[in-house]
Amino acid sequence: MTADEVDMIWELIDVDEPGIAFEMLCTQLYEHDAEVEDEVVDRLQVIGTAMQLKPRQWEILRADRS
């Protein structure tokens, strides 16, 4: 991820928009073809579920993208 993308995520958190920040984090990881370990996706699932977000946010990171 670029520094600007990370800054935007932090800005969203700072203005009390954690759901949008979470969505942006997952989307950017996906768009950058980041290799996200299953353990990390499991943690994102716990966080996303606690925030009552839609599972597609983190599920896209589990997809076989080879």
N, C-alpha and C. Protein backbone atom coordinates (compact mmCIF):
# COMPACT_ATOMS: atom_id res chain seq x y z
N MET A 1 0.84 -1.17 0.00
CA MET A 1 0.00 0.00 0.00
C MET A 1 0.88 1.24 0.00
N THR A 2 0.37 2.28 -0.57
CA THR A 2 1.13 3.53 -0.60
C THR A 2 0.97 4.26 0.74
N ALA A 3 1.88 5.18 0.98
CA ALA A 3 1.81 5.99 2.20
C ALA A 3 0.52 6.80 2.23
N ASP A 4 0.08 7.29 1.08
CA ASP A 4 -1.16 8.06 1.01
C ASP A 4 -2.37 7.21 1.38
N GLU A 5 -2.38 5.96 0.95
CA GLU A 5 -3.49 5.07 1.29
C GLU A 5 -3.52 4.79 2.79
N VAL A 6 -2.35 4.57 3.36
CA VAL A 6 -2.28 4.33 4.80
C VAL A 6 -2.72 5.58 5.56
N ASP A 7 -2.27 6.74 5.11
CA ASP A 7 -2.67 8.00 5.75
C ASP A 7 -4.19 8.18 5.69
N MET A 8 -4.78 7.84 4.55
CA MET A 8 -6.23 7.98 4.40
C MET A 8 -6.97 7.08 5.39
N ILE A 9 -6.48 5.87 5.57
CA ILE A 9 -7.09 4.95 6.53
C ILE A 9 -7.02 5.53 7.93
N TRP A 10 -5.86 6.06 8.31
CA TRP A 10 -5.72 6.68 9.64
C TRP A 10 -6.62 7.89 9.79
N GLU A 11 -6.75 8.68 8.72
CA GLU A 11 -7.64 9.85 8.77
C GLU A 11 -9.09 9.43 9.00
N LEU A 12 -9.50 8.36 8.34
CA LEU A 12 -10.86 7.85 8.53
C LEU A 12 -11.07 7.40 9.98
N ILE A 13 -10.08 6.77 10.54
CA ILE A 13 -10.17 6.36 11.95
C ILE A 13 -10.26 7.59 12.84
N ASP A 14 -9.44 8.59 12.54
CA ASP A 14 -9.43 9.81 13.35
C ASP A 14 -10.76 10.56 13.34
N VAL A 15 -11.50 10.46 12.23
CA VAL A 15 -12.80 11.14 12.15
C VAL A 15 -13.96 10.20 12.47
N ASP A 16 -13.63 9.14 13.19
CA ASP A 16 -14.63 8.19 13.70
C ASP A 16 -15.38 7.46 12.59
N GLU A 17 -14.65 7.01 11.58
CA GLU A 17 -15.20 6.21 10.49
C GLU A 17 -14.45 4.88 10.39
N PRO A 18 -14.43 4.09 11.48
CA PRO A 18 -13.65 2.85 11.45
C PRO A 18 -14.15 1.81 10.45
N GLY A 19 -15.44 1.78 10.19
CA GLY A 19 -15.97 0.83 9.21
C GLY A 19 -15.46 1.11 7.81
N ILE A 20 -15.46 2.37 7.45
CA ILE A 20 -14.96 2.76 6.13
C ILE A 20 -13.45 2.51 6.06
N ALA A 21 -12.75 2.78 7.15
CA ALA A 21 -11.30 2.53 7.20
C ALA A 21 -11.02 1.04 7.02
N PHE A 22 -11.80 0.21 7.68
CA PHE A 22 -11.63 -1.25 7.58
C PHE A 22 -11.88 -1.70 6.14
N GLU A 23 -12.95 -1.20 5.55
CA GLU A 23 -13.28 -1.55 4.17
C GLU A 23 -12.15 -1.12 3.23
N MET A 24 -11.64 0.08 3.43
CA MET A 24 -10.57 0.57 2.58
C MET A 24 -9.30 -0.28 2.74
N LEU A 25 -8.99 -0.66 3.97
CA LEU A 25 -7.83 -1.51 4.22
C LEU A 25 -7.96 -2.81 3.44
N CYS A 26 -9.07 -3.49 3.58
CA CYS A 26 -9.27 -4.77 2.89
C CYS A 26 -9.24 -4.59 1.37
N THR A 27 -9.89 -3.56 0.89
CA THR A 27 -9.92 -3.30 -0.55
C THR A 27 -8.53 -3.02 -1.10
N GLN A 28 -7.77 -2.20 -0.40
CA GLN A 28 -6.43 -1.88 -0.87
C GLN A 28 -5.51 -3.10 -0.84
N LEU A 29 -5.62 -3.92 0.19
CA LEU A 29 -4.83 -5.16 0.23
C LEU A 29 -5.19 -6.03 -0.98
N TYR A 30 -6.46 -6.12 -1.28
CA TYR A 30 -6.91 -6.91 -2.42
C TYR A 30 -6.41 -6.32 -3.74
N GLU A 31 -6.59 -5.02 -3.91
CA GLU A 31 -6.19 -4.38 -5.17
C GLU A 31 -4.69 -4.41 -5.41
N HIS A 32 -3.93 -4.44 -4.33
CA HIS A 32 -2.47 -4.49 -4.46
C HIS A 32 -1.95 -5.93 -4.50
N ASP A 33 -2.88 -6.89 -4.60
CA ASP A 33 -2.52 -8.31 -4.63
C ASP A 33 -1.62 -8.71 -3.48
N ALA A 34 -1.88 -8.14 -2.31
CA ALA A 34 -1.07 -8.45 -1.13
C ALA A 34 -1.34 -9.89 -0.72
N GLU A 35 -0.27 -10.58 -0.34
CA GLU A 35 -0.42 -11.93 0.19
C GLU A 35 -0.70 -11.80 1.68
N VAL A 36 -1.93 -12.07 2.04
CA VAL A 36 -2.37 -11.93 3.43
C VAL A 36 -2.48 -13.33 4.02
N GLU A 37 -1.73 -13.58 5.06
CA GLU A 37 -1.74 -14.90 5.69
C GLU A 37 -3.12 -15.19 6.27
N ASP A 38 -3.47 -16.47 6.30
CA ASP A 38 -4.78 -16.89 6.82
C ASP A 38 -5.00 -16.39 8.25
N GLU A 39 -3.95 -16.40 9.06
CA GLU A 39 -4.08 -15.93 10.44
C GLU A 39 -4.49 -14.45 10.49
N VAL A 40 -3.96 -13.66 9.58
CA VAL A 40 -4.31 -12.24 9.53
C VAL A 40 -5.75 -12.08 9.07
N VAL A 41 -6.15 -12.85 8.08
CA VAL A 41 -7.53 -12.78 7.61
C VAL A 41 -8.48 -13.22 8.73
N ASP A 42 -8.07 -14.23 9.50
CA ASP A 42 -8.89 -14.66 10.64
C ASP A 42 -9.08 -13.52 11.63
N ARG A 43 -8.03 -12.76 11.87
CA ARG A 43 -8.12 -11.61 12.79
C ARG A 43 -9.02 -10.52 12.21
N LEU A 44 -8.88 -10.30 10.90
CA LEU A 44 -9.75 -9.31 10.25
C LEU A 44 -11.20 -9.75 10.34
N GLN A 45 -11.44 -11.05 10.22
CA GLN A 45 -12.80 -11.56 10.34
C GLN A 45 -13.37 -11.28 11.73
N VAL A 46 -12.59 -11.51 12.77
CA VAL A 46 -13.04 -11.25 14.14
C VAL A 46 -13.37 -9.76 14.30
N ILE A 47 -12.49 -8.90 13.80
CA ILE A 47 -12.71 -7.46 13.91
C ILE A 47 -13.94 -7.03 13.10
N GLY A 48 -14.00 -7.48 11.85
CA GLY A 48 -15.13 -7.12 10.99
C GLY A 48 -16.45 -7.60 11.53
N THR A 49 -16.46 -8.80 12.08
CA THR A 49 -17.68 -9.35 12.67
C THR A 49 -18.11 -8.52 13.88
N ALA A 50 -17.13 -8.16 14.71
CA ALA A 50 -17.43 -7.34 15.89
C ALA A 50 -17.99 -5.98 15.48
N MET A 51 -17.54 -5.48 14.33
CA MET A 51 -18.02 -4.19 13.83
C MET A 51 -19.31 -4.34 13.02
N GLN A 52 -19.80 -5.56 12.90
CA GLN A 52 -21.02 -5.88 12.16
C GLN A 52 -20.91 -5.48 10.68
N LEU A 53 -19.75 -5.75 10.10
CA LEU A 53 -19.53 -5.47 8.68
C LEU A 53 -19.83 -6.71 7.86
N LYS A 54 -20.01 -6.52 6.57
CA LYS A 54 -20.32 -7.63 5.68
C LYS A 54 -19.06 -8.47 5.47
N PRO A 55 -19.21 -9.79 5.50
CA PRO A 55 -18.06 -10.68 5.37
C PRO A 55 -17.28 -10.52 4.07
N ARG A 56 -17.91 -10.02 3.02
CA ARG A 56 -17.18 -9.89 1.75
C ARG A 56 -15.93 -9.02 1.90
N GLN A 57 -15.93 -8.14 2.91
CA GLN A 57 -14.78 -7.26 3.11
C GLN A 57 -13.49 -8.05 3.30
N TRP A 58 -13.53 -9.06 4.13
CA TRP A 58 -12.32 -9.84 4.39
C TRP A 58 -12.28 -11.13 3.58
N GLU A 59 -13.41 -11.62 3.14
CA GLU A 59 -13.43 -12.86 2.37
C GLU A 59 -12.70 -12.74 1.04
N ILE A 60 -12.69 -11.55 0.46
CA ILE A 60 -11.97 -11.39 -0.80
C ILE A 60 -10.47 -11.64 -0.63
N LEU A 61 -10.00 -11.52 0.59
CA LEU A 61 -8.57 -11.74 0.84
C LEU A 61 -8.23 -13.22 0.92
N ARG A 62 -9.23 -14.09 1.10
CA ARG A 62 -9.01 -15.53 1.16
C ARG A 62 -9.07 -16.18 -0.22
N ALA A 63 -9.63 -15.50 -1.17
CA ALA A 63 -9.84 -16.09 -2.49
C ALA A 63 -8.53 -16.52 -3.11
N ASP A 64 -8.58 -17.66 -3.80
CA ASP A 64 -7.40 -18.13 -4.52
C ASP A 64 -7.23 -17.23 -5.74
N ARG A 65 -6.16 -16.49 -5.73
CA ARG A 65 -5.94 -15.49 -6.78
C ARG A 65 -4.78 -15.84 -7.67
N SER A 66 -4.41 -17.11 -7.72
CA SER A 66 -3.25 -17.49 -8.52
C SER A 66 -3.56 -17.64 -9.98
